Amino acid sequence: MGMSKSKQHRHKTERAGLNNPEMSRIQWHRKPHTQVVQNKKAEQRRTLCRHKGSRDGADFFIFWRNALIN
């Protein structure tokens, strides 16, 4: 089976030193969606690991107004 005319033209322009439009197209590099029902626990574990270290949940507030009065 031969190549299509458009593919032949793309190869010809590429051999001539011009840009190949296939190179500028975005490639899909993600895992295909195979699970129908999402695994919630695994997703929560992954998001927890991704955001770990950015914030541990503890907040430290200093109330300057009360500190200045006392």
N, C-alpha and C. Protein backbone atom coordinates (compact mmCIF):
# COMPACT_ATOMS: atom_id res chain seq x y z
N MET A 1 0.85 -1.17 0.00
CA MET A 1 0.00 0.00 0.00
C MET A 1 0.89 1.24 0.00
N GLY A 2 0.62 2.14 -0.90
CA GLY A 2 1.44 3.33 -1.04
C GLY A 2 1.07 4.43 -0.07
N MET A 3 1.92 5.44 -0.02
CA MET A 3 1.65 6.58 0.84
C MET A 3 0.66 7.52 0.16
N SER A 4 -0.06 8.27 0.98
CA SER A 4 -0.99 9.24 0.42
C SER A 4 -0.21 10.41 -0.19
N LYS A 5 -0.90 11.16 -1.01
CA LYS A 5 -0.25 12.31 -1.68
C LYS A 5 0.23 13.34 -0.66
N SER A 6 -0.58 13.56 0.38
CA SER A 6 -0.19 14.56 1.38
C SER A 6 1.05 14.11 2.15
N LYS A 7 1.12 12.81 2.46
CA LYS A 7 2.30 12.31 3.18
C LYS A 7 3.53 12.36 2.28
N GLN A 8 3.37 12.06 1.00
CA GLN A 8 4.48 12.17 0.06
C GLN A 8 4.97 13.61 -0.02
N HIS A 9 4.02 14.56 -0.04
CA HIS A 9 4.39 15.98 -0.09
C HIS A 9 5.13 16.40 1.18
N ARG A 10 4.67 15.91 2.35
CA ARG A 10 5.35 16.23 3.61
C ARG A 10 6.77 15.69 3.62
N HIS A 11 6.96 14.46 3.16
CA HIS A 11 8.31 13.89 3.12
C HIS A 11 9.20 14.64 2.13
N LYS A 12 8.61 15.06 1.03
CA LYS A 12 9.38 15.80 0.03
C LYS A 12 9.85 17.14 0.58
N THR A 13 8.95 17.86 1.26
CA THR A 13 9.33 19.15 1.85
C THR A 13 10.34 18.96 2.98
N GLU A 14 10.22 17.86 3.73
CA GLU A 14 11.18 17.60 4.80
C GLU A 14 12.56 17.29 4.23
N ARG A 15 12.62 16.56 3.15
CA ARG A 15 13.91 16.27 2.50
C ARG A 15 14.52 17.54 1.92
N ALA A 16 13.66 18.48 1.52
CA ALA A 16 14.16 19.74 0.96
C ALA A 16 14.68 20.68 2.05
N GLY A 17 14.45 20.32 3.32
CA GLY A 17 14.96 21.13 4.42
C GLY A 17 13.93 22.04 5.04
N LEU A 18 12.69 21.93 4.62
CA LEU A 18 11.63 22.75 5.21
C LEU A 18 11.05 22.05 6.43
N ASN A 19 10.24 22.79 7.18
CA ASN A 19 9.66 22.24 8.41
C ASN A 19 8.61 21.18 8.11
N ASN A 20 8.61 20.15 8.94
CA ASN A 20 7.60 19.11 8.85
C ASN A 20 6.48 19.47 9.83
N PRO A 21 5.23 19.62 9.37
CA PRO A 21 4.16 20.01 10.29
C PRO A 21 3.86 18.96 11.36
N GLU A 22 4.24 17.71 11.12
CA GLU A 22 4.01 16.67 12.12
C GLU A 22 4.86 16.91 13.37
N MET A 23 5.99 17.56 13.22
CA MET A 23 6.87 17.80 14.36
C MET A 23 6.30 18.85 15.32
N SER A 24 5.47 19.75 14.82
CA SER A 24 4.92 20.80 15.68
C SER A 24 3.61 20.40 16.33
N ARG A 25 3.06 19.24 15.97
CA ARG A 25 1.81 18.79 16.58
C ARG A 25 2.08 18.25 17.97
N ILE A 26 1.13 18.47 18.85
CA ILE A 26 1.28 18.04 20.24
C ILE A 26 1.03 16.54 20.32
N GLN A 27 1.92 15.84 20.99
CA GLN A 27 1.78 14.40 21.19
C GLN A 27 1.11 14.15 22.54
N TRP A 28 0.32 13.10 22.63
CA TRP A 28 -0.36 12.74 23.87
C TRP A 28 0.51 11.76 24.63
N HIS A 29 0.98 12.15 25.83
CA HIS A 29 1.89 11.32 26.60
C HIS A 29 1.28 10.85 27.91
N ARG A 30 -0.02 10.83 28.01
CA ARG A 30 -0.66 10.42 29.25
C ARG A 30 -1.10 8.97 29.20
N LYS A 31 -1.34 8.41 30.34
CA LYS A 31 -1.82 7.04 30.44
C LYS A 31 -3.27 6.99 29.94
N PRO A 32 -3.62 6.03 29.13
CA PRO A 32 -5.01 5.96 28.66
C PRO A 32 -5.96 5.65 29.81
N HIS A 33 -7.16 6.15 29.71
CA HIS A 33 -8.16 5.98 30.75
C HIS A 33 -8.74 4.57 30.66
N THR A 34 -8.27 3.67 31.51
CA THR A 34 -8.71 2.28 31.43
C THR A 34 -9.72 1.92 32.50
N GLN A 35 -9.66 2.58 33.65
CA GLN A 35 -10.60 2.25 34.73
C GLN A 35 -11.90 3.00 34.52
N VAL A 36 -13.00 2.28 34.62
CA VAL A 36 -14.31 2.92 34.49
C VAL A 36 -14.65 3.63 35.79
N VAL A 37 -14.48 2.95 36.91
CA VAL A 37 -14.74 3.53 38.22
C VAL A 37 -13.39 3.92 38.82
N GLN A 38 -13.27 5.18 39.18
CA GLN A 38 -12.01 5.67 39.74
C GLN A 38 -11.80 5.07 41.13
N ASN A 39 -10.57 4.79 41.44
CA ASN A 39 -10.20 4.28 42.75
C ASN A 39 -9.94 5.49 43.64
N LYS A 40 -10.91 5.81 44.49
CA LYS A 40 -10.83 7.04 45.27
C LYS A 40 -9.67 7.04 46.26
N LYS A 41 -9.45 5.92 46.91
CA LYS A 41 -8.36 5.88 47.90
C LYS A 41 -7.00 6.07 47.24
N ALA A 42 -6.80 5.45 46.10
CA ALA A 42 -5.52 5.61 45.41
C ALA A 42 -5.35 7.04 44.93
N GLU A 43 -6.42 7.64 44.45
CA GLU A 43 -6.34 9.04 43.98
C GLU A 43 -6.04 9.97 45.14
N GLN A 44 -6.67 9.74 46.29
CA GLN A 44 -6.40 10.57 47.47
C GLN A 44 -4.96 10.41 47.93
N ARG A 45 -4.45 9.18 47.88
CA ARG A 45 -3.07 8.94 48.28
C ARG A 45 -2.10 9.65 47.34
N ARG A 46 -2.40 9.61 46.03
CA ARG A 46 -1.53 10.28 45.07
C ARG A 46 -1.55 11.79 45.25
N THR A 47 -2.73 12.36 45.45
CA THR A 47 -2.80 13.82 45.64
C THR A 47 -2.14 14.23 46.95
N LEU A 48 -2.27 13.39 47.99
CA LEU A 48 -1.61 13.71 49.25
C LEU A 48 -0.10 13.73 49.08
N CYS A 49 0.42 12.75 48.35
CA CYS A 49 1.87 12.70 48.12
C CYS A 49 2.34 13.85 47.24
N ARG A 50 1.51 14.27 46.29
CA ARG A 50 1.89 15.38 45.41
C ARG A 50 1.97 16.69 46.17
N HIS A 51 1.04 16.89 47.11
CA HIS A 51 0.99 18.16 47.84
C HIS A 51 1.71 18.09 49.18
N LYS A 52 2.36 17.00 49.45
CA LYS A 52 3.06 16.85 50.72
C LYS A 52 4.24 17.82 50.79
N GLY A 53 4.38 18.45 51.93
CA GLY A 53 5.50 19.36 52.12
C GLY A 53 5.15 20.80 51.82
N SER A 54 4.09 21.03 51.04
CA SER A 54 3.73 22.41 50.75
C SER A 54 3.04 23.05 51.95
N ARG A 55 2.26 22.23 52.70
CA ARG A 55 1.57 22.75 53.87
C ARG A 55 1.19 21.57 54.74
N ASP A 56 1.49 21.64 56.01
CA ASP A 56 1.18 20.51 56.88
C ASP A 56 -0.14 20.68 57.61
N GLY A 57 -0.84 21.79 57.43
CA GLY A 57 -2.14 21.99 58.05
C GLY A 57 -2.10 22.79 59.33
N ALA A 58 -0.95 22.96 59.93
CA ALA A 58 -0.84 23.72 61.16
C ALA A 58 -0.65 25.20 60.83
N ASP A 59 -1.39 26.03 61.52
CA ASP A 59 -1.29 27.47 61.30
C ASP A 59 -0.82 28.13 62.59
N PHE A 60 0.03 29.12 62.44
CA PHE A 60 0.56 29.84 63.58
C PHE A 60 0.22 31.31 63.39
N PHE A 61 -0.66 31.82 64.24
CA PHE A 61 -1.07 33.22 64.11
C PHE A 61 -0.54 34.01 65.30
N ILE A 62 -0.11 35.19 65.01
CA ILE A 62 0.33 36.11 66.06
C ILE A 62 -0.65 37.27 66.06
N PHE A 63 -1.28 37.48 67.18
CA PHE A 63 -2.22 38.59 67.29
C PHE A 63 -1.47 39.77 67.90
N TRP A 64 -1.09 40.70 67.04
CA TRP A 64 -0.27 41.83 67.47
C TRP A 64 -1.02 42.76 68.40
N ARG A 65 -2.32 42.91 68.17
CA ARG A 65 -3.09 43.84 68.99
C ARG A 65 -3.09 43.39 70.45
N ASN A 66 -3.32 42.09 70.66
CA ASN A 66 -3.31 41.57 72.03
C ASN A 66 -1.91 41.59 72.62
N ALA A 67 -0.91 41.38 71.81
CA ALA A 67 0.46 41.38 72.30
C ALA A 67 0.90 42.79 72.71
N LEU A 68 0.42 43.80 72.00
CA LEU A 68 0.81 45.17 72.31
C LEU A 68 0.11 45.68 73.56
N ILE A 69 -1.11 45.22 73.81
CA ILE A 69 -1.86 45.68 74.99
C ILE A 69 -1.26 45.10 76.26
N ASN A 70 -0.89 43.84 76.26
CA ASN A 70 -0.37 43.20 77.48
C ASN A 70 1.03 43.58 77.70
